[in-house]
């Protein structure tokens, strides 16, 4: 039995996986949705990026999970990718769902035009503000789904976005599936393209937007189950 540990992206908590967890469990797997420190029901807990890495490692070790598939969506690919090398032989695979991938010494905000995000963090007491409905347009979401995300989102701790990742080896050395959501952007980023040259990585495309756990949860369950088996 595969044990999935599911970590949603910025501003979201474990609740974001409510439409995915039942499908994974119905398929015979364990499914553990995790809220990172400072978000959702853990709002107010001080957190940086390494706090989030520890959250994930601690969840795996506390539950004594084996044959673990770590699933990181969007921002959470950064702490998930670091946690993957720290849980050792407990790891079966990493799944990056339209996610950023960590690089040693680089932050989530490195390498793209992040001036607007940095300014928003500074103007909002060190937090990236929650989503507006406009942020979610054009991503294959219904009005109801957009409303659900907007209502549930919380401010995201800015330190987790600006702290550098700490890795001892390339993510390309660990078995991984990269799920590219085509409505968000049709091509993987250059760093992901580089990792996909590794025989340990595979690419899966979904014809939906950046939040498939809301827009296509059943399809995402299928993708995750297939990823657990590997290419």
C-alpha atoms as a PDB file:
ATOM      1  CA  UNK A   1       0.000   0.000   0.000  1.00  0.00           C
ATOM      2  CA  UNK A   2       1.351   3.394  -0.988  1.00  0.00           C
ATOM      3  CA  UNK A   3       1.181   6.181   1.582  1.00  0.00           C
ATOM      4  CA  UNK A   4       0.508   9.557  -0.029  1.00  0.00           C
ATOM      5  CA  UNK A   5       1.464  12.711   1.839  1.00  0.00           C
ATOM      6  CA  UNK A   6      -0.288  15.624   0.131  1.00  0.00           C
ATOM      7  CA  UNK A   7       0.906  19.209   0.527  1.00  0.00           C
ATOM      8  CA  UNK A   8      -0.997  22.026  -1.167  1.00  0.00           C
ATOM      9  CA  UNK A   9       0.575  25.201  -2.485  1.00  0.00           C
ATOM     10  CA  UNK A  10       0.794  28.716  -1.096  1.00  0.00           C
ATOM     11  CA  UNK A  11      -2.113  30.048   0.990  1.00  0.00           C
ATOM     12  CA  UNK A  12      -3.816  26.635   1.203  1.00  0.00           C
ATOM     13  CA  UNK A  13      -4.096  23.915   3.840  1.00  0.00           C
ATOM     14  CA  UNK A  14      -4.956  20.227   4.083  1.00  0.00           C
ATOM     15  CA  UNK A  15      -8.576  21.108   3.271  1.00  0.00           C
ATOM     16  CA  UNK A  16      -7.578  21.673  -0.370  1.00  0.00           C
ATOM     17  CA  UNK A  17      -7.294  17.890  -0.854  1.00  0.00           C
ATOM     18  CA  UNK A  18     -10.813  17.046   0.366  1.00  0.00           C
ATOM     19  CA  UNK A  19     -11.904  15.875  -3.095  1.00  0.00           C
ATOM     20  CA  UNK A  20      -8.729  13.811  -3.642  1.00  0.00           C
ATOM     21  CA  UNK A  21      -8.176  11.942  -0.379  1.00  0.00           C
ATOM     22  CA  UNK A  22     -11.333   9.751  -0.616  1.00  0.00           C
ATOM     23  CA  UNK A  23     -10.393   8.588  -4.124  1.00  0.00           C
ATOM     24  CA  UNK A  24      -6.885   7.586  -3.054  1.00  0.00           C
ATOM     25  CA  UNK A  25      -8.246   5.680  -0.066  1.00  0.00           C
ATOM     26  CA  UNK A  26     -10.881   3.985  -2.216  1.00  0.00           C
ATOM     27  CA  UNK A  27      -8.028   2.777  -4.431  1.00  0.00           C
ATOM     28  CA  UNK A  28      -6.441   1.100  -1.404  1.00  0.00           C
ATOM     29  CA  UNK A  29      -3.808   3.678  -0.528  1.00  0.00           C
ATOM     30  CA  UNK A  30      -3.085   5.704   2.556  1.00  0.00           C
ATOM     31  CA  UNK A  31      -3.683   9.433   2.095  1.00  0.00           C
ATOM     32  CA  UNK A  32      -2.489  12.079   4.527  1.00  0.00           C
ATOM     33  CA  UNK A  33      -3.201  15.729   3.700  1.00  0.00           C
ATOM     34  CA  UNK A  34      -0.891  18.075   5.580  1.00  0.00           C
ATOM     35  CA  UNK A  35      -1.290  21.723   6.540  1.00  0.00           C
ATOM     36  CA  UNK A  36       2.020  23.554   6.736  1.00  0.00           C
ATOM     37  CA  UNK A  37       2.849  25.807   9.675  1.00  0.00           C
ATOM     38  CA  UNK A  38       1.398  29.304   9.441  1.00  0.00           C
ATOM     39  CA  UNK A  39      -1.508  28.340   7.179  1.00  0.00           C
ATOM     40  CA  UNK A  40      -5.190  27.422   7.541  1.00  0.00           C
ATOM     41  CA  UNK A  41      -5.798  25.911  11.005  1.00  0.00           C
ATOM     42  CA  UNK A  42      -2.100  26.502  11.825  1.00  0.00           C
ATOM     43  CA  UNK A  43      -2.359  30.211  11.085  1.00  0.00           C
ATOM     44  CA  UNK A  44      -0.302  32.256  13.539  1.00  0.00           C
ATOM     45  CA  UNK A  45       2.467  29.655  13.893  1.00  0.00           C
ATOM     46  CA  UNK A  46       5.786  31.292  12.893  1.00  0.00           C
ATOM     47  CA  UNK A  47       7.156  29.600   9.778  1.00  0.00           C
ATOM     48  CA  UNK A  48       9.905  29.801   7.208  1.00  0.00           C
ATOM     49  CA  UNK A  49      10.750  27.410   4.426  1.00  0.00           C
ATOM     50  CA  UNK A  50      12.806  25.075   6.622  1.00  0.00           C
ATOM     51  CA  UNK A  51       9.888  24.956   9.077  1.00  0.00           C
ATOM     52  CA  UNK A  52       7.791  23.600   6.217  1.00  0.00           C
ATOM     53  CA  UNK A  53      10.433  21.006   5.345  1.00  0.00           C
ATOM     54  CA  UNK A  54      10.394  19.843   8.961  1.00  0.00           C
ATOM     55  CA  UNK A  55       6.570  19.736   8.950  1.00  0.00           C
ATOM     56  CA  UNK A  56       6.681  17.204   6.116  1.00  0.00           C
ATOM     57  CA  UNK A  57       9.515  15.086   7.508  1.00  0.00           C
ATOM     58  CA  UNK A  58       7.884  15.065  10.951  1.00  0.00           C
ATOM     59  CA  UNK A  59       4.565  13.904   9.465  1.00  0.00           C
ATOM     60  CA  UNK A  60       6.232  10.948   7.751  1.00  0.00           C
ATOM     61  CA  UNK A  61       8.235   9.977  10.829  1.00  0.00           C
ATOM     62  CA  UNK A  62       5.417  10.530  13.339  1.00  0.00           C
ATOM     63  CA  UNK A  63       3.153   8.197  11.401  1.00  0.00           C
ATOM     64  CA  UNK A  64       6.062   5.833  10.665  1.00  0.00           C
ATOM     65  CA  UNK A  65       5.079   5.811   6.998  1.00  0.00           C
ATOM     66  CA  UNK A  66       6.815   3.610   4.422  1.00  0.00           C
ATOM     67  CA  UNK A  67       6.521   3.457   0.633  1.00  0.00           C
ATOM     68  CA  UNK A  68       5.792   7.181   0.719  1.00  0.00           C
ATOM     69  CA  UNK A  69       4.777   9.278  -2.275  1.00  0.00           C
ATOM     70  CA  UNK A  70       5.286  12.928  -1.400  1.00  0.00           C
ATOM     71  CA  UNK A  71       2.983  15.202  -3.401  1.00  0.00           C
ATOM     72  CA  UNK A  72       3.851  18.886  -3.616  1.00  0.00           C
ATOM     73  CA  UNK A  73       1.621  21.392  -5.384  1.00  0.00           C
ATOM     74  CA  UNK A  74       2.880  24.792  -6.585  1.00  0.00           C
ATOM     75  CA  UNK A  75       5.028  26.424  -3.847  1.00  0.00           C
ATOM     76  CA  UNK A  76       5.052  23.214  -1.826  1.00  0.00           C
ATOM     77  CA  UNK A  77       7.227  21.488  -4.385  1.00  0.00           C
ATOM     78  CA  UNK A  78      10.078  23.454  -2.757  1.00  0.00           C
ATOM     79  CA  UNK A  79       9.761  21.975   0.772  1.00  0.00           C
ATOM     80  CA  UNK A  80       8.534  18.599  -0.542  1.00  0.00           C
ATOM     81  CA  UNK A  81      11.599  18.244  -2.765  1.00  0.00           C
ATOM     82  CA  UNK A  82      13.853  18.898   0.219  1.00  0.00           C
ATOM     83  CA  UNK A  83      11.927  16.567   2.509  1.00  0.00           C
ATOM     84  CA  UNK A  84      12.182  13.827  -0.122  1.00  0.00           C
ATOM     85  CA  UNK A  85      15.927  13.459   0.328  1.00  0.00           C
ATOM     86  CA  UNK A  86      15.618  13.624   4.119  1.00  0.00           C
ATOM     87  CA  UNK A  87      13.222  10.723   4.601  1.00  0.00           C
ATOM     88  CA  UNK A  88      15.670   8.267   3.045  1.00  0.00           C
ATOM     89  CA  UNK A  89      14.394   4.822   2.136  1.00  0.00           C
ATOM     90  CA  UNK A  90      10.872   5.686   3.236  1.00  0.00           C
ATOM     91  CA  UNK A  91      10.485   7.494  -0.095  1.00  0.00           C
ATOM     92  CA  UNK A  92       8.932   5.748  -3.083  1.00  0.00           C
ATOM     93  CA  UNK A  93       8.415   8.770  -5.341  1.00  0.00           C
ATOM     94  CA  UNK A  94       7.917  12.520  -5.485  1.00  0.00           C
ATOM     95  CA  UNK A  95       5.024  13.995  -7.452  1.00  0.00           C
ATOM     96  CA  UNK A  96       5.294  17.681  -8.335  1.00  0.00           C
ATOM     97  CA  UNK A  97       1.837  18.994  -9.249  1.00  0.00           C
ATOM     98  CA  UNK A  98       2.447  22.084 -11.402  1.00  0.00           C
ATOM     99  CA  UNK A  99       5.040  22.838  -8.774  1.00  0.00           C
ATOM    100  CA  UNK A 100       8.281  24.646  -8.219  1.00  0.00           C
ATOM    101  CA  UNK A 101      11.272  22.341  -7.782  1.00  0.00           C
ATOM    102  CA  UNK A 102      13.976  23.212  -5.250  1.00  0.00           C
ATOM    103  CA  UNK A 103      17.544  24.110  -6.125  1.00  0.00           C
ATOM    104  CA  UNK A 104      20.193  24.395  -3.447  1.00  0.00           C
ATOM    105  CA  UNK A 105      20.679  27.987  -2.324  1.00  0.00           C
ATOM    106  CA  UNK A 106      17.677  29.325  -4.254  1.00  0.00           C
ATOM    107  CA  UNK A 107      14.345  30.500  -2.890  1.00  0.00           C
ATOM    108  CA  UNK A 108      10.850  30.079  -4.275  1.00  0.00           C
ATOM    109  CA  UNK A 109      11.040  33.642  -5.591  1.00  0.00           C
ATOM    110  CA  UNK A 110      14.380  33.169  -7.343  1.00  0.00           C
ATOM    111  CA  UNK A 111      14.530  33.385 -11.138  1.00  0.00           C
ATOM    112  CA  UNK A 112      11.206  35.060 -11.994  1.00  0.00           C
ATOM    113  CA  UNK A 113       9.787  38.542 -11.851  1.00  0.00           C
ATOM    114  CA  UNK A 114       8.769  38.426  -8.216  1.00  0.00           C
ATOM    115  CA  UNK A 115       8.902  42.145  -7.427  1.00  0.00           C
ATOM    116  CA  UNK A 116       5.142  42.325  -7.018  1.00  0.00           C
ATOM    117  CA  UNK A 117       5.110  39.425  -4.570  1.00  0.00           C
ATOM    118  CA  UNK A 118       7.981  40.889  -2.540  1.00  0.00           C
ATOM    119  CA  UNK A 119       6.221  44.260  -2.376  1.00  0.00           C
ATOM    120  CA  UNK A 120       2.968  42.602  -1.295  1.00  0.00           C
ATOM    121  CA  UNK A 121       4.804  40.737   1.479  1.00  0.00           C
ATOM    122  CA  UNK A 122       6.398  43.943   2.721  1.00  0.00           C
ATOM    123  CA  UNK A 123       3.088  45.817   2.618  1.00  0.00           C
ATOM    124  CA  UNK A 124       1.206  43.057   4.481  1.00  0.00           C
ATOM    125  CA  UNK A 125       3.316  42.506   7.567  1.00  0.00           C
ATOM    126  CA  UNK A 126       5.504  39.771   6.134  1.00  0.00           C
ATOM    127  CA  UNK A 127       2.702  37.759   4.515  1.00  0.00           C
ATOM    128  CA  UNK A 128       1.661  37.116   0.922  1.00  0.00           C
ATOM    129  CA  UNK A 129      -2.053  38.076   0.891  1.00  0.00           C
ATOM    130  CA  UNK A 130      -4.762  35.477   0.163  1.00  0.00           C
ATOM    131  CA  UNK A 131      -6.189  34.951  -3.324  1.00  0.00           C
ATOM    132  CA  UNK A 132      -8.697  37.207  -4.976  1.00  0.00           C
ATOM    133  CA  UNK A 133     -11.172  35.771  -7.456  1.00  0.00           C
ATOM    134  CA  UNK A 134      -9.234  37.467 -10.250  1.00  0.00           C
ATOM    135  CA  UNK A 135      -6.089  35.486  -9.326  1.00  0.00           C
ATOM    136  CA  UNK A 136      -7.956  32.272 -10.149  1.00  0.00           C
ATOM    137  CA  UNK A 137      -9.511  33.201 -13.485  1.00  0.00           C
ATOM    138  CA  UNK A 138      -8.721  31.210 -16.629  1.00  0.00           C
ATOM    139  CA  UNK A 139      -7.707  28.084 -14.718  1.00  0.00           C
ATOM    140  CA  UNK A 140     -10.610  25.758 -15.473  1.00  0.00           C
ATOM    141  CA  UNK A 141     -12.369  26.493 -12.194  1.00  0.00           C
ATOM    142  CA  UNK A 142     -16.098  26.989 -11.743  1.00  0.00           C
ATOM    143  CA  UNK A 143     -17.426  30.008  -9.858  1.00  0.00           C
ATOM    144  CA  UNK A 144     -18.215  27.711  -6.942  1.00  0.00           C
ATOM    145  CA  UNK A 145     -14.662  26.351  -6.906  1.00  0.00           C
ATOM    146  CA  UNK A 146     -13.188  29.840  -7.093  1.00  0.00           C
ATOM    147  CA  UNK A 147     -15.374  30.919  -4.182  1.00  0.00           C
ATOM    148  CA  UNK A 148     -14.299  27.897  -2.174  1.00  0.00           C
ATOM    149  CA  UNK A 149     -10.613  28.656  -2.683  1.00  0.00           C
ATOM    150  CA  UNK A 150     -11.009  32.363  -1.911  1.00  0.00           C
ATOM    151  CA  UNK A 151     -12.941  31.620   1.290  1.00  0.00           C
ATOM    152  CA  UNK A 152     -10.466  29.021   2.483  1.00  0.00           C
ATOM    153  CA  UNK A 153      -7.187  30.733   1.610  1.00  0.00           C
ATOM    154  CA  UNK A 154      -5.073  32.390   4.309  1.00  0.00           C
ATOM    155  CA  UNK A 155      -2.067  34.736   4.167  1.00  0.00           C
ATOM    156  CA  UNK A 156       1.167  32.879   3.413  1.00  0.00           C
ATOM    157  CA  UNK A 157       4.297  33.389   5.556  1.00  0.00           C
ATOM    158  CA  UNK A 158       6.683  35.453   3.458  1.00  0.00           C
ATOM    159  CA  UNK A 159       9.830  33.928   4.965  1.00  0.00           C
ATOM    160  CA  UNK A 160       8.993  30.578   3.386  1.00  0.00           C
ATOM    161  CA  UNK A 161       9.117  32.238  -0.031  1.00  0.00           C
ATOM    162  CA  UNK A 162      12.407  34.060   0.452  1.00  0.00           C
ATOM    163  CA  UNK A 163      14.524  31.536   2.382  1.00  0.00           C
ATOM    164  CA  UNK A 164      16.883  29.409   0.227  1.00  0.00           C
ATOM    165  CA  UNK A 165      16.482  25.685  -0.224  1.00  0.00           C
ATOM    166  CA  UNK A 166      19.039  23.341   1.310  1.00  0.00           C
ATOM    167  CA  UNK A 167      19.852  20.226  -0.730  1.00  0.00           C
ATOM    168  CA  UNK A 168      22.730  17.775  -0.817  1.00  0.00           C
ATOM    169  CA  UNK A 169      21.943  16.432  -4.297  1.00  0.00           C
ATOM    170  CA  UNK A 170      19.897  17.234  -7.370  1.00  0.00           C
ATOM    171  CA  UNK A 171      16.161  16.436  -7.330  1.00  0.00           C
ATOM    172  CA  UNK A 172      16.796  14.621 -10.622  1.00  0.00           C
ATOM    173  CA  UNK A 173      18.442  11.817  -8.642  1.00  0.00           C
ATOM    174  CA  UNK A 174      15.177  10.853  -6.939  1.00  0.00           C
ATOM    175  CA  UNK A 175      12.257   9.149  -8.726  1.00  0.00           C
ATOM    176  CA  UNK A 176       9.676  11.766  -9.646  1.00  0.00           C
ATOM    177  CA  UNK A 177       6.613  12.525 -11.713  1.00  0.00           C
ATOM    178  CA  UNK A 178       6.061  16.081 -12.887  1.00  0.00           C
ATOM    179  CA  UNK A 179       2.407  16.944 -13.539  1.00  0.00           C
ATOM    180  CA  UNK A 180       2.129  19.904 -15.922  1.00  0.00           C
ATOM    181  CA  UNK A 181      -1.222  21.681 -15.918  1.00  0.00           C
ATOM    182  CA  UNK A 182      -1.563  23.081 -19.424  1.00  0.00           C
ATOM    183  CA  UNK A 183      -3.950  25.986 -18.788  1.00  0.00           C
ATOM    184  CA  UNK A 184      -1.468  27.510 -16.372  1.00  0.00           C
ATOM    185  CA  UNK A 185       1.418  27.420 -18.874  1.00  0.00           C
ATOM    186  CA  UNK A 186       1.861  24.822 -21.617  1.00  0.00           C
ATOM    187  CA  UNK A 187       5.559  24.071 -21.094  1.00  0.00           C
ATOM    188  CA  UNK A 188       7.560  23.080 -18.007  1.00  0.00           C
ATOM    189  CA  UNK A 189      10.084  25.613 -16.753  1.00  0.00           C
ATOM    190  CA  UNK A 190      13.697  25.295 -17.871  1.00  0.00           C
ATOM    191  CA  UNK A 191      14.838  23.710 -14.613  1.00  0.00           C
ATOM    192  CA  UNK A 192      12.063  21.105 -14.775  1.00  0.00           C
ATOM    193  CA  UNK A 193      12.925  20.385 -18.414  1.00  0.00           C
ATOM    194  CA  UNK A 194      16.483  19.722 -17.307  1.00  0.00           C
ATOM    195  CA  UNK A 195      15.367  17.287 -14.609  1.00  0.00           C
ATOM    196  CA  UNK A 196      13.096  15.501 -17.077  1.00  0.00           C
ATOM    197  CA  UNK A 197      16.210  14.365 -18.953  1.00  0.00           C
ATOM    198  CA  UNK A 198      16.833  12.053 -16.007  1.00  0.00           C
ATOM    199  CA  UNK A 199      15.651   8.479 -16.505  1.00  0.00           C
ATOM    200  CA  UNK A 200      14.139   8.722 -13.007  1.00  0.00           C
ATOM    201  CA  UNK A 201      11.679  11.477 -13.980  1.00  0.00           C
ATOM    202  CA  UNK A 202       8.496  11.334 -16.038  1.00  0.00           C
ATOM    203  CA  UNK A 203       6.170  14.031 -17.361  1.00  0.00           C
ATOM    204  CA  UNK A 204       2.371  13.828 -17.188  1.00  0.00           C
ATOM    205  CA  UNK A 205       0.133  16.526 -18.655  1.00  0.00           C
ATOM    206  CA  UNK A 206      -3.320  17.535 -17.430  1.00  0.00           C
ATOM    207  CA  UNK A 207      -5.606  19.685 -19.563  1.00  0.00           C
ATOM    208  CA  UNK A 208      -6.652  21.909 -16.700  1.00  0.00           C
ATOM    209  CA  UNK A 209      -5.400  24.812 -14.630  1.00  0.00           C
ATOM    210  CA  UNK A 210      -3.048  25.290 -11.719  1.00  0.00           C
ATOM    211  CA  UNK A 211      -5.383  23.899  -9.036  1.00  0.00           C
ATOM    212  CA  UNK A 212      -6.357  20.406 -10.329  1.00  0.00           C
ATOM    213  CA  UNK A 213      -7.332  19.178  -6.855  1.00  0.00           C
ATOM    214  CA  UNK A 214     -10.367  21.443  -7.318  1.00  0.00           C
ATOM    215  CA  UNK A 215     -10.904  21.476 -11.093  1.00  0.00           C
ATOM    216  CA  UNK A 216     -10.144  17.792 -11.886  1.00  0.00           C
ATOM    217  CA  UNK A 217      -9.911  15.809  -8.626  1.00  0.00           C
ATOM    218  CA  UNK A 218     -10.854  12.420 -10.107  1.00  0.00           C
ATOM    219  CA  UNK A 219      -8.346  12.762 -12.910  1.00  0.00           C
ATOM    220  CA  UNK A 220      -5.705  13.823 -10.403  1.00  0.00           C
ATOM    221  CA  UNK A 221      -6.436  10.728  -8.298  1.00  0.00           C
ATOM    222  CA  UNK A 222      -5.834   8.579 -11.382  1.00  0.00           C
ATOM    223  CA  UNK A 223      -2.587  10.400 -12.147  1.00  0.00           C
ATOM    224  CA  UNK A 224      -1.361   9.966  -8.580  1.00  0.00           C
ATOM    225  CA  UNK A 225      -2.227   6.276  -8.491  1.00  0.00           C
ATOM    226  CA  UNK A 226      -0.388   5.711 -11.766  1.00  0.00           C
ATOM    227  CA  UNK A 227       2.597   7.694 -10.503  1.00  0.00           C
ATOM    228  CA  UNK A 228       2.795   5.444  -7.451  1.00  0.00           C
ATOM    229  CA  UNK A 229       3.401   2.493  -9.762  1.00  0.00           C
ATOM    230  CA  UNK A 230       6.034   4.433 -11.706  1.00  0.00           C
ATOM    231  CA  UNK A 231       6.775   4.526 -15.450  1.00  0.00           C
END
